[in-house]
Amino acid sequence: MTHASFPDLEHIADVPVGYTTFFESEPEFLAATDVLPWRGSAAGGGVASATDLLRFLNALRSDVLLSSNTLAFATQSNETGWYGLGFVTQGGKHPLWGHGGFGYGMNVAAQRFPEDELTFICIATRDMACDRMIYAWSDRLFGEIE
């Protein structure tokens, strides 16, 4: 992962700045750098390119980071019906696994549709943009997901 890092505010000159309305509670956009902690946490704050995320997902499937048995176990749905072992999962006609997250002025989604041999990656500098986009993308590609 050649473009991944975990910078602090003094080392983000090449990182796009996210803008937030605090999930539409403010009338104007505010720079996320004004409202977020000075450095990320386990919940987020790292920096990576879409290419790096794709490399990571491909490495997961290559028996390098995890065995194929471990990946299959980690990405299967369980009693919750939507969450595997660290991955969001969904069964049905177009099963998927992946993960994403959001914070003020940022959103990411990385989803793998293994049976369709498709990967969706979105990195955005706005509140909840990827969450909206993956539903629009999958609905357009597959029709309404059950």
N, C-alpha and C. Protein backbone atom coordinates (compact mmCIF):
# COMPACT_ATOMS: atom_id res chain seq x y z
N MET A 1 0.86 -1.17 0.00
CA MET A 1 0.00 0.00 0.00
C MET A 1 0.91 1.23 0.00
N THR A 2 1.15 1.73 -1.16
CA THR A 2 2.15 2.78 -1.33
C THR A 2 1.67 4.17 -0.96
N HIS A 3 0.39 4.39 -0.90
CA HIS A 3 -0.12 5.72 -0.59
C HIS A 3 -0.88 5.77 0.73
N ALA A 4 -0.72 4.78 1.56
CA ALA A 4 -1.43 4.73 2.84
C ALA A 4 -0.55 5.35 3.93
N SER A 5 -1.20 6.05 4.85
CA SER A 5 -0.46 6.64 5.97
C SER A 5 -1.43 6.97 7.09
N PHE A 6 -0.89 7.47 8.15
CA PHE A 6 -1.67 7.85 9.32
C PHE A 6 -1.16 9.21 9.79
N PRO A 7 -1.42 10.27 9.00
CA PRO A 7 -0.80 11.57 9.27
C PRO A 7 -1.48 12.35 10.39
N ASP A 8 -0.76 13.32 10.92
CA ASP A 8 -1.37 14.28 11.82
C ASP A 8 -1.63 15.56 11.01
N LEU A 9 -2.23 16.55 11.63
CA LEU A 9 -2.62 17.76 10.89
C LEU A 9 -1.44 18.50 10.27
N GLU A 10 -0.25 18.31 10.79
CA GLU A 10 0.92 19.00 10.23
C GLU A 10 1.47 18.31 8.99
N HIS A 11 0.96 17.13 8.66
CA HIS A 11 1.48 16.37 7.53
C HIS A 11 0.38 15.95 6.56
N ILE A 12 -0.53 16.84 6.27
CA ILE A 12 -1.64 16.49 5.37
C ILE A 12 -1.71 17.39 4.15
N ALA A 13 -0.59 17.98 3.76
CA ALA A 13 -0.59 18.92 2.62
C ALA A 13 -1.15 18.27 1.36
N ASP A 14 -0.92 16.97 1.14
CA ASP A 14 -1.37 16.30 -0.07
C ASP A 14 -2.68 15.54 0.12
N VAL A 15 -3.34 15.73 1.25
CA VAL A 15 -4.57 15.02 1.55
C VAL A 15 -5.76 15.95 1.30
N PRO A 16 -6.75 15.51 0.52
CA PRO A 16 -7.93 16.36 0.32
C PRO A 16 -8.63 16.64 1.65
N VAL A 17 -9.10 17.84 1.80
CA VAL A 17 -9.81 18.24 3.02
C VAL A 17 -11.29 17.93 2.84
N GLY A 18 -11.87 17.28 3.83
CA GLY A 18 -13.30 17.00 3.82
C GLY A 18 -14.07 18.20 4.36
N TYR A 19 -15.31 18.29 3.96
CA TYR A 19 -16.18 19.37 4.43
C TYR A 19 -17.46 18.77 4.95
N THR A 20 -17.95 19.32 6.05
CA THR A 20 -19.11 18.77 6.73
C THR A 20 -20.17 19.83 7.00
N THR A 21 -21.38 19.38 7.08
CA THR A 21 -22.49 20.20 7.58
C THR A 21 -23.01 19.56 8.87
N PHE A 22 -22.19 18.71 9.48
CA PHE A 22 -22.61 17.94 10.66
C PHE A 22 -23.92 17.20 10.36
N PHE A 23 -23.88 16.48 9.22
CA PHE A 23 -25.02 15.68 8.77
C PHE A 23 -26.27 16.55 8.63
N GLU A 24 -26.07 17.67 7.95
CA GLU A 24 -27.12 18.62 7.55
C GLU A 24 -27.69 19.42 8.71
N SER A 25 -26.99 19.50 9.83
CA SER A 25 -27.49 20.33 10.93
C SER A 25 -26.95 21.77 10.84
N GLU A 26 -25.97 22.01 9.96
CA GLU A 26 -25.43 23.35 9.76
C GLU A 26 -25.73 23.81 8.34
N PRO A 27 -26.01 25.09 8.13
CA PRO A 27 -26.36 25.57 6.78
C PRO A 27 -25.16 25.68 5.84
N GLU A 28 -23.96 25.83 6.37
CA GLU A 28 -22.77 26.01 5.54
C GLU A 28 -21.76 24.88 5.81
N PHE A 29 -20.96 24.58 4.79
CA PHE A 29 -19.90 23.59 4.96
C PHE A 29 -18.79 24.13 5.85
N LEU A 30 -18.26 23.28 6.72
CA LEU A 30 -17.10 23.58 7.55
C LEU A 30 -15.99 22.59 7.21
N ALA A 31 -14.75 23.06 7.21
CA ALA A 31 -13.63 22.16 6.95
C ALA A 31 -13.53 21.13 8.08
N ALA A 32 -13.41 19.87 7.72
CA ALA A 32 -13.33 18.81 8.73
C ALA A 32 -12.10 18.97 9.60
N THR A 33 -11.04 19.58 9.07
CA THR A 33 -9.83 19.78 9.87
C THR A 33 -10.08 20.73 11.04
N ASP A 34 -11.15 21.50 10.99
CA ASP A 34 -11.49 22.41 12.10
C ASP A 34 -12.24 21.71 13.22
N VAL A 35 -12.78 20.52 12.95
CA VAL A 35 -13.65 19.88 13.95
C VAL A 35 -13.21 18.47 14.36
N LEU A 36 -12.25 17.90 13.64
CA LEU A 36 -11.81 16.55 13.95
C LEU A 36 -10.59 16.57 14.86
N PRO A 37 -10.33 15.46 15.55
CA PRO A 37 -9.12 15.38 16.38
C PRO A 37 -7.88 15.61 15.53
N TRP A 38 -6.79 15.98 16.17
CA TRP A 38 -5.56 16.28 15.44
C TRP A 38 -4.98 15.06 14.75
N ARG A 39 -5.39 13.87 15.17
CA ARG A 39 -4.91 12.63 14.56
C ARG A 39 -6.03 11.60 14.65
N GLY A 40 -6.02 10.67 13.73
CA GLY A 40 -7.04 9.64 13.71
C GLY A 40 -6.97 8.70 14.89
N SER A 41 -7.86 7.72 14.87
CA SER A 41 -7.94 6.74 15.94
C SER A 41 -8.20 5.37 15.32
N ALA A 42 -8.44 4.39 16.15
CA ALA A 42 -8.76 3.06 15.63
C ALA A 42 -10.04 3.08 14.80
N ALA A 43 -10.90 4.06 15.02
CA ALA A 43 -12.15 4.16 14.28
C ALA A 43 -11.96 4.84 12.93
N GLY A 44 -10.82 5.41 12.68
CA GLY A 44 -10.59 6.07 11.39
C GLY A 44 -9.55 7.15 11.49
N GLY A 45 -9.27 7.77 10.37
CA GLY A 45 -8.29 8.84 10.34
C GLY A 45 -7.06 8.49 9.53
N GLY A 46 -6.99 7.26 9.05
CA GLY A 46 -5.89 6.89 8.17
C GLY A 46 -6.14 7.44 6.78
N VAL A 47 -5.12 7.44 5.96
CA VAL A 47 -5.22 7.95 4.60
C VAL A 47 -4.78 6.86 3.64
N ALA A 48 -5.57 6.59 2.62
CA ALA A 48 -5.23 5.60 1.60
C ALA A 48 -5.92 5.98 0.31
N SER A 49 -5.37 5.52 -0.79
CA SER A 49 -5.99 5.76 -2.09
C SER A 49 -6.96 4.61 -2.40
N ALA A 50 -7.82 4.83 -3.39
CA ALA A 50 -8.72 3.76 -3.83
C ALA A 50 -7.91 2.57 -4.36
N THR A 51 -6.79 2.85 -5.01
CA THR A 51 -5.92 1.79 -5.50
C THR A 51 -5.37 0.96 -4.34
N ASP A 52 -4.98 1.63 -3.26
CA ASP A 52 -4.49 0.90 -2.09
C ASP A 52 -5.59 0.03 -1.48
N LEU A 53 -6.80 0.54 -1.41
CA LEU A 53 -7.91 -0.26 -0.88
C LEU A 53 -8.16 -1.48 -1.76
N LEU A 54 -8.09 -1.30 -3.07
CA LEU A 54 -8.28 -2.43 -3.98
C LEU A 54 -7.15 -3.45 -3.80
N ARG A 55 -5.92 -2.99 -3.65
CA ARG A 55 -4.81 -3.90 -3.39
C ARG A 55 -5.04 -4.69 -2.10
N PHE A 56 -5.54 -4.01 -1.08
CA PHE A 56 -5.82 -4.69 0.19
C PHE A 56 -6.89 -5.76 0.00
N LEU A 57 -8.00 -5.42 -0.65
CA LEU A 57 -9.06 -6.41 -0.88
C LEU A 57 -8.54 -7.58 -1.70
N ASN A 58 -7.72 -7.30 -2.72
CA ASN A 58 -7.15 -8.38 -3.53
C ASN A 58 -6.20 -9.24 -2.71
N ALA A 59 -5.42 -8.61 -1.84
CA ALA A 59 -4.50 -9.38 -0.98
C ALA A 59 -5.28 -10.28 -0.03
N LEU A 60 -6.42 -9.80 0.46
CA LEU A 60 -7.25 -10.65 1.32
C LEU A 60 -7.68 -11.92 0.59
N ARG A 61 -7.93 -11.81 -0.69
CA ARG A 61 -8.42 -12.94 -1.46
C ARG A 61 -7.31 -13.81 -2.03
N SER A 62 -6.04 -13.47 -1.79
CA SER A 62 -4.94 -14.17 -2.44
C SER A 62 -4.25 -15.20 -1.56
N ASP A 63 -4.79 -15.51 -0.39
CA ASP A 63 -4.17 -16.44 0.56
C ASP A 63 -2.84 -15.91 1.12
N VAL A 64 -2.62 -14.59 1.05
CA VAL A 64 -1.41 -14.00 1.60
C VAL A 64 -1.67 -13.47 3.00
N LEU A 65 -2.69 -12.65 3.16
CA LEU A 65 -3.01 -12.09 4.47
C LEU A 65 -3.83 -13.05 5.32
N LEU A 66 -4.74 -13.74 4.68
CA LEU A 66 -5.60 -14.72 5.35
C LEU A 66 -5.69 -15.95 4.45
N SER A 67 -5.88 -17.10 5.06
CA SER A 67 -6.14 -18.28 4.23
C SER A 67 -7.53 -18.14 3.64
N SER A 68 -7.79 -18.84 2.57
CA SER A 68 -9.13 -18.77 1.96
C SER A 68 -10.20 -19.27 2.92
N ASN A 69 -9.88 -20.24 3.77
CA ASN A 69 -10.84 -20.72 4.77
C ASN A 69 -11.15 -19.64 5.81
N THR A 70 -10.11 -18.93 6.27
CA THR A 70 -10.33 -17.87 7.25
C THR A 70 -11.13 -16.74 6.64
N LEU A 71 -10.82 -16.35 5.40
CA LEU A 71 -11.59 -15.29 4.74
C LEU A 71 -13.05 -15.71 4.58
N ALA A 72 -13.29 -16.94 4.17
CA ALA A 72 -14.67 -17.42 4.02
C ALA A 72 -15.41 -17.36 5.35
N PHE A 73 -14.73 -17.75 6.43
CA PHE A 73 -15.34 -17.69 7.76
C PHE A 73 -15.61 -16.25 8.18
N ALA A 74 -14.65 -15.36 7.94
CA ALA A 74 -14.77 -13.97 8.36
C ALA A 74 -15.83 -13.20 7.58
N THR A 75 -16.14 -13.64 6.38
CA THR A 75 -17.08 -12.89 5.55
C THR A 75 -18.45 -13.56 5.44
N GLN A 76 -18.69 -14.59 6.22
CA GLN A 76 -20.03 -15.19 6.20
C GLN A 76 -20.94 -14.45 7.17
N SER A 77 -22.18 -14.36 6.80
CA SER A 77 -23.16 -13.74 7.69
C SER A 77 -23.37 -14.63 8.90
N ASN A 78 -23.70 -14.02 10.02
CA ASN A 78 -23.98 -14.81 11.23
C ASN A 78 -25.33 -14.41 11.78
N GLU A 79 -25.52 -14.59 13.08
CA GLU A 79 -26.84 -14.36 13.68
C GLU A 79 -27.35 -12.93 13.50
N THR A 80 -26.44 -11.96 13.39
CA THR A 80 -26.90 -10.58 13.20
C THR A 80 -27.53 -10.39 11.84
N GLY A 81 -27.15 -11.25 10.89
CA GLY A 81 -27.71 -11.15 9.56
C GLY A 81 -27.00 -10.15 8.67
N TRP A 82 -26.05 -9.41 9.21
CA TRP A 82 -25.37 -8.43 8.35
C TRP A 82 -23.91 -8.22 8.71
N TYR A 83 -23.42 -8.76 9.80
CA TYR A 83 -22.05 -8.49 10.21
C TYR A 83 -21.30 -9.79 10.44
N GLY A 84 -20.20 -9.97 9.71
CA GLY A 84 -19.33 -11.12 9.92
C GLY A 84 -18.29 -10.78 10.97
N LEU A 85 -17.10 -11.30 10.81
CA LEU A 85 -16.00 -11.03 11.75
C LEU A 85 -15.18 -9.84 11.25
N GLY A 86 -15.70 -8.64 11.45
CA GLY A 86 -15.00 -7.44 11.01
C GLY A 86 -15.45 -6.93 9.66
N PHE A 87 -16.27 -7.68 8.97
CA PHE A 87 -16.77 -7.27 7.66
C PHE A 87 -18.29 -7.16 7.70
N VAL A 88 -18.80 -6.16 7.03
CA VAL A 88 -20.24 -6.09 6.79
C VAL A 88 -20.53 -7.14 5.73
N THR A 89 -21.53 -7.93 5.93
CA THR A 89 -21.86 -9.00 4.98
C THR A 89 -23.34 -8.91 4.60
N GLN A 90 -23.62 -9.42 3.44
CA GLN A 90 -25.01 -9.50 2.99
C GLN A 90 -25.15 -10.71 2.09
N GLY A 91 -26.14 -11.51 2.33
CA GLY A 91 -26.40 -12.67 1.49
C GLY A 91 -27.33 -12.29 0.36
N GLY A 92 -28.07 -13.24 -0.12
CA GLY A 92 -29.06 -12.98 -1.16
C GLY A 92 -28.53 -13.21 -2.56
N LYS A 93 -29.21 -12.62 -3.51
CA LYS A 93 -28.89 -12.83 -4.92
C LYS A 93 -27.51 -12.29 -5.30
N HIS A 94 -27.07 -11.22 -4.66
CA HIS A 94 -25.76 -10.61 -4.92
C HIS A 94 -25.03 -10.42 -3.59
N PRO A 95 -24.51 -11.52 -3.02
CA PRO A 95 -23.85 -11.42 -1.72
C PRO A 95 -22.64 -10.47 -1.79
N LEU A 96 -22.36 -9.84 -0.64
CA LEU A 96 -21.24 -8.93 -0.59
C LEU A 96 -20.58 -8.99 0.78
N TRP A 97 -19.35 -8.51 0.82
CA TRP A 97 -18.65 -8.31 2.09
C TRP A 97 -17.73 -7.10 1.91
N GLY A 98 -17.46 -6.43 3.00
CA GLY A 98 -16.58 -5.27 2.96
C GLY A 98 -16.70 -4.49 4.25
N HIS A 99 -16.35 -3.24 4.16
CA HIS A 99 -16.45 -2.38 5.33
C HIS A 99 -16.38 -0.93 4.89
N GLY A 100 -16.75 -0.05 5.75
CA GLY A 100 -16.68 1.37 5.47
C GLY A 100 -16.84 2.13 6.77
N GLY A 101 -16.90 3.42 6.63
CA GLY A 101 -17.08 4.23 7.81
C GLY A 101 -17.20 5.69 7.44
N PHE A 102 -17.47 6.50 8.45
CA PHE A 102 -17.64 7.93 8.18
C PHE A 102 -17.27 8.72 9.41
N GLY A 103 -17.01 9.95 9.18
CA GLY A 103 -16.77 10.94 10.21
C GLY A 103 -17.16 12.27 9.59
N TYR A 104 -17.05 13.32 10.34
CA TYR A 104 -17.41 14.62 9.79
C TYR A 104 -16.55 14.94 8.58
N GLY A 105 -17.20 15.09 7.43
CA GLY A 105 -16.51 15.47 6.21
C GLY A 105 -15.76 14.35 5.52
N MET A 106 -16.03 13.12 5.88
CA MET A 106 -15.36 12.01 5.20
C MET A 106 -16.25 10.77 5.24
N ASN A 107 -16.05 9.93 4.22
CA ASN A 107 -16.81 8.69 4.13
C ASN A 107 -16.04 7.75 3.22
N VAL A 108 -16.04 6.47 3.55
CA VAL A 108 -15.38 5.47 2.71
C VAL A 108 -16.24 4.21 2.71
N ALA A 109 -16.23 3.52 1.58
CA ALA A 109 -16.89 2.23 1.47
C ALA A 109 -16.05 1.36 0.55
N ALA A 110 -15.80 0.13 0.95
CA ALA A 110 -15.08 -0.85 0.13
C ALA A 110 -15.86 -2.15 0.25
N GLN A 111 -16.54 -2.52 -0.82
CA GLN A 111 -17.41 -3.69 -0.81
C GLN A 111 -17.01 -4.63 -1.94
N ARG A 112 -16.97 -5.91 -1.65
CA ARG A 112 -16.65 -6.93 -2.64
C ARG A 112 -17.89 -7.77 -2.87
N PHE A 113 -18.25 -7.94 -4.14
CA PHE A 113 -19.35 -8.80 -4.57
C PHE A 113 -18.70 -10.04 -5.20
N PRO A 114 -18.36 -11.06 -4.39
CA PRO A 114 -17.53 -12.17 -4.89
C PRO A 114 -18.16 -12.97 -6.02
N GLU A 115 -19.44 -13.25 -5.96
CA GLU A 115 -20.06 -14.07 -7.01
C GLU A 115 -20.20 -13.30 -8.31
N ASP A 116 -20.26 -11.97 -8.23
CA ASP A 116 -20.36 -11.13 -9.42
C ASP A 116 -18.98 -10.67 -9.90
N GLU A 117 -17.92 -10.99 -9.12
CA GLU A 117 -16.56 -10.58 -9.40
C GLU A 117 -16.46 -9.07 -9.60
N LEU A 118 -17.10 -8.32 -8.68
CA LEU A 118 -17.10 -6.86 -8.72
C LEU A 118 -16.64 -6.31 -7.37
N THR A 119 -16.01 -5.16 -7.42
CA THR A 119 -15.61 -4.45 -6.22
C THR A 119 -16.06 -3.00 -6.33
N PHE A 120 -16.63 -2.48 -5.26
CA PHE A 120 -17.05 -1.08 -5.19
C PHE A 120 -16.18 -0.39 -4.15
N ILE A 121 -15.51 0.69 -4.56
CA ILE A 121 -14.70 1.48 -3.63
C ILE A 121 -15.08 2.94 -3.82
N CYS A 122 -15.35 3.60 -2.73
CA CYS A 122 -15.69 5.03 -2.75
C CYS A 122 -14.95 5.72 -1.62
N ILE A 123 -14.31 6.82 -1.92
CA ILE A 123 -13.68 7.67 -0.92
C ILE A 123 -14.23 9.07 -1.16
N ALA A 124 -14.84 9.66 -0.14
CA ALA A 124 -15.50 10.96 -0.34
C ALA A 124 -15.10 11.96 0.74
N THR A 125 -15.20 13.22 0.39
CA THR A 125 -14.89 14.31 1.32
C THR A 125 -16.16 15.03 1.74
N ARG A 126 -17.24 14.29 1.85
CA ARG A 126 -18.53 14.83 2.31
C ARG A 126 -19.20 13.81 3.22
N ASP A 127 -20.04 14.26 4.11
CA ASP A 127 -20.78 13.39 5.01
C ASP A 127 -21.63 12.39 4.23
N MET A 128 -21.47 11.11 4.51
CA MET A 128 -22.33 10.02 4.04
C MET A 128 -22.43 9.86 2.52
N ALA A 129 -21.53 10.46 1.75
CA ALA A 129 -21.62 10.39 0.28
C ALA A 129 -21.50 8.95 -0.23
N CYS A 130 -20.57 8.17 0.30
CA CYS A 130 -20.37 6.80 -0.17
C CYS A 130 -21.54 5.90 0.21
N ASP A 131 -22.10 6.13 1.38
CA ASP A 131 -23.25 5.33 1.80
C ASP A 131 -24.42 5.52 0.84
N ARG A 132 -24.63 6.73 0.39
CA ARG A 132 -25.69 6.98 -0.60
C ARG A 132 -25.30 6.41 -1.96
N MET A 133 -24.03 6.57 -2.33
CA MET A 133 -23.59 6.15 -3.65
C MET A 133 -23.63 4.65 -3.84
N ILE A 134 -23.26 3.86 -2.83
CA ILE A 134 -23.26 2.41 -3.03
C ILE A 134 -24.68 1.89 -3.26
N TYR A 135 -25.67 2.47 -2.60
CA TYR A 135 -27.04 2.04 -2.85
C TYR A 135 -27.48 2.42 -4.25
N ALA A 136 -27.15 3.62 -4.70
CA ALA A 136 -27.51 4.03 -6.06
C ALA A 136 -26.80 3.16 -7.09
N TRP A 137 -25.50 2.89 -6.86
CA TRP A 137 -24.71 2.08 -7.79
C TRP A 137 -25.26 0.66 -7.87
N SER A 138 -25.48 0.02 -6.71
CA SER A 138 -25.93 -1.37 -6.72
C SER A 138 -27.36 -1.48 -7.25
N ASP A 139 -28.22 -0.52 -6.92
CA ASP A 139 -29.58 -0.54 -7.46
C ASP A 139 -29.56 -0.41 -8.99
N ARG A 140 -28.69 0.45 -9.48
CA ARG A 140 -28.60 0.63 -10.94
C ARG A 140 -28.04 -0.62 -11.62
N LEU A 141 -27.05 -1.25 -10.99
CA LEU A 141 -26.42 -2.42 -11.59
C LEU A 141 -27.26 -3.68 -11.45
N PHE A 142 -27.80 -3.90 -10.27
CA PHE A 142 -28.49 -5.16 -9.96
C PHE A 142 -30.01 -5.04 -9.88
N GLY A 143 -30.54 -3.84 -9.85
CA GLY A 143 -31.93 -3.65 -9.49
C GLY A 143 -31.99 -3.56 -7.97
N GLU A 144 -33.14 -3.40 -7.42
CA GLU A 144 -33.26 -3.23 -5.98
C GLU A 144 -32.74 -4.45 -5.25
N ILE A 145 -31.82 -4.22 -4.32
CA ILE A 145 -31.25 -5.33 -3.52
C ILE A 145 -32.28 -5.78 -2.50
N GLU A 146 -32.47 -7.08 -2.41
CA GLU A 146 -33.44 -7.62 -1.45
C GLU A 146 -32.90 -7.57 -0.05
